[in-house]
């Protein structure tokens, strides 16, 4: 398989709240997977047709909102959900740290499996 990703994706599969200014309110989504340069997220409704999206989301009630600007290279409809690939074009270092902390805390088994599988 030709995998061109620079970083491994970490499976999250977590419901989250997202604020997208163009949708005028909070949307519920599922963070399917992520890494420090992007993520795959699904919604139960289609987002406005955009190539770039500004969005804030939270992974955990103890976390502040993570603010991103992202390119949307692809959209797929799967099992009555709209799945978006997001490639971060703007994210603050402190928000990268929040993602890194979340991954280190919640994805240790995936890290261990990747480390020992090679």
Protein backbone atom coordinates (compact mmCIF):
# COMPACT_ATOMS: atom_id res chain seq x y z
CA UNK A 1 0.00 0.00 0.00
CA UNK A 2 1.32 3.41 -0.96
CA UNK A 3 0.93 5.50 2.20
CA UNK A 4 2.21 9.04 1.66
CA UNK A 5 1.47 10.33 5.14
CA UNK A 6 4.37 11.92 6.98
CA UNK A 7 2.88 11.11 10.39
CA UNK A 8 0.85 8.12 11.56
CA UNK A 9 -2.84 8.66 12.19
CA UNK A 10 -4.09 7.86 15.66
CA UNK A 11 -7.57 6.39 15.82
CA UNK A 12 -9.71 8.54 18.10
CA UNK A 13 -13.37 7.64 17.34
CA UNK A 14 -14.61 10.21 19.84
CA UNK A 15 -17.69 12.39 19.79
CA UNK A 16 -16.79 16.05 19.99
CA UNK A 17 -18.33 19.48 19.85
CA UNK A 18 -17.26 21.68 16.97
CA UNK A 19 -17.81 25.37 16.37
CA UNK A 20 -17.71 26.33 12.71
CA UNK A 21 -18.55 30.02 12.28
CA UNK A 22 -20.32 29.49 8.93
CA UNK A 23 -22.80 27.01 10.46
CA UNK A 24 -23.87 29.54 13.13
CA UNK A 25 -23.62 27.26 16.10
CA UNK A 26 -22.20 24.11 17.59
CA UNK A 27 -22.22 20.90 15.61
CA UNK A 28 -21.68 17.45 16.99
CA UNK A 29 -19.09 15.44 15.15
CA UNK A 30 -16.90 12.39 15.54
CA UNK A 31 -13.15 12.80 15.40
CA UNK A 32 -12.31 9.60 13.54
CA UNK A 33 -8.53 9.90 13.59
CA UNK A 34 -5.88 12.60 13.78
CA UNK A 35 -2.25 13.57 13.89
CA UNK A 36 -0.49 16.89 14.31
CA UNK A 37 -1.00 17.91 10.66
CA UNK A 38 -4.62 16.93 10.12
CA UNK A 39 -7.59 14.76 10.98
CA UNK A 40 -10.56 12.87 9.64
CA UNK A 41 -13.86 14.07 11.07
CA UNK A 42 -17.47 13.09 10.36
CA UNK A 43 -20.73 15.00 10.71
CA UNK A 44 -24.35 13.93 10.35
CA UNK A 45 -24.93 16.83 7.94
CA UNK A 46 -22.97 18.28 5.07
CA UNK A 47 -20.88 21.36 5.77
CA UNK A 48 -21.05 24.34 3.42
CA UNK A 49 -19.04 23.78 0.22
CA UNK A 50 -15.63 25.08 1.25
CA UNK A 51 -12.02 24.46 0.36
CA UNK A 52 -10.85 25.95 3.65
CA UNK A 53 -12.64 25.79 6.99
CA UNK A 54 -12.08 27.54 10.30
CA UNK A 55 -13.14 25.40 13.19
CA UNK A 56 -12.80 25.04 16.94
CA UNK A 57 -13.33 21.68 18.59
CA UNK A 58 -12.85 20.00 21.93
CA UNK A 59 -11.68 16.44 22.53
CA UNK A 60 -12.38 16.28 26.23
CA UNK A 61 -14.31 18.28 28.77
CA UNK A 62 -11.03 19.12 30.52
CA UNK A 63 -9.54 20.59 27.34
CA UNK A 64 -10.02 24.06 25.99
CA UNK A 65 -11.16 24.40 22.42
CA UNK A 66 -8.54 23.68 19.78
CA UNK A 67 -8.67 26.25 16.99
CA UNK A 68 -7.66 25.30 13.47
CA UNK A 69 -7.82 26.48 9.92
CA UNK A 70 -7.72 23.57 7.49
CA UNK A 71 -7.83 22.69 3.83
CA UNK A 72 -10.47 20.11 2.88
CA UNK A 73 -8.81 17.86 0.28
CA UNK A 74 -11.67 15.34 0.20
CA UNK A 75 -15.24 14.62 1.36
CA UNK A 76 -17.00 11.25 1.35
CA UNK A 77 -20.47 10.15 2.32
CA UNK A 78 -20.38 6.95 4.38
CA UNK A 79 -23.24 5.31 6.33
CA UNK A 80 -25.38 8.48 6.40
CA UNK A 81 -22.42 10.58 7.61
CA UNK A 82 -20.28 13.13 5.82
CA UNK A 83 -16.60 12.39 6.37
CA UNK A 84 -14.02 15.14 5.80
CA UNK A 85 -10.28 14.97 5.47
CA UNK A 86 -8.79 18.08 7.04
CA UNK A 87 -5.22 19.22 6.47
CA UNK A 88 -4.25 21.85 9.03
CA UNK A 89 -3.00 25.06 7.43
CA UNK A 90 -3.00 27.07 10.66
CA UNK A 91 -2.82 25.80 14.23
CA UNK A 92 -1.18 27.41 17.25
CA UNK A 93 1.67 25.62 18.99
CA UNK A 94 -0.36 25.44 22.20
CA UNK A 95 -3.15 23.66 20.30
CA UNK A 96 -0.63 21.20 18.81
CA UNK A 97 0.48 20.56 22.39
CA UNK A 98 -3.14 19.81 23.39
CA UNK A 99 -3.46 17.29 20.56
CA UNK A 100 -0.13 15.72 21.43
CA UNK A 101 -1.11 15.46 25.10
CA UNK A 102 -4.45 13.87 24.18
CA UNK A 103 -2.75 11.33 21.89
CA UNK A 104 -0.08 10.49 24.50
CA UNK A 105 -2.74 9.98 27.17
CA UNK A 106 -5.42 8.18 25.15
CA UNK A 107 -3.63 6.35 22.33
CA UNK A 108 -0.79 4.64 24.21
CA UNK A 109 -1.86 1.14 23.10
CA UNK A 110 -1.75 2.23 19.45
CA UNK A 111 1.69 3.75 19.98
CA UNK A 112 2.92 0.58 21.68
CA UNK A 113 1.55 -1.61 18.87
CA UNK A 114 3.24 0.52 16.20
CA UNK A 115 6.52 0.66 18.07
CA UNK A 116 6.77 -3.10 18.60
CA UNK A 117 5.31 -4.04 15.19
CA UNK A 118 8.31 -2.68 13.31
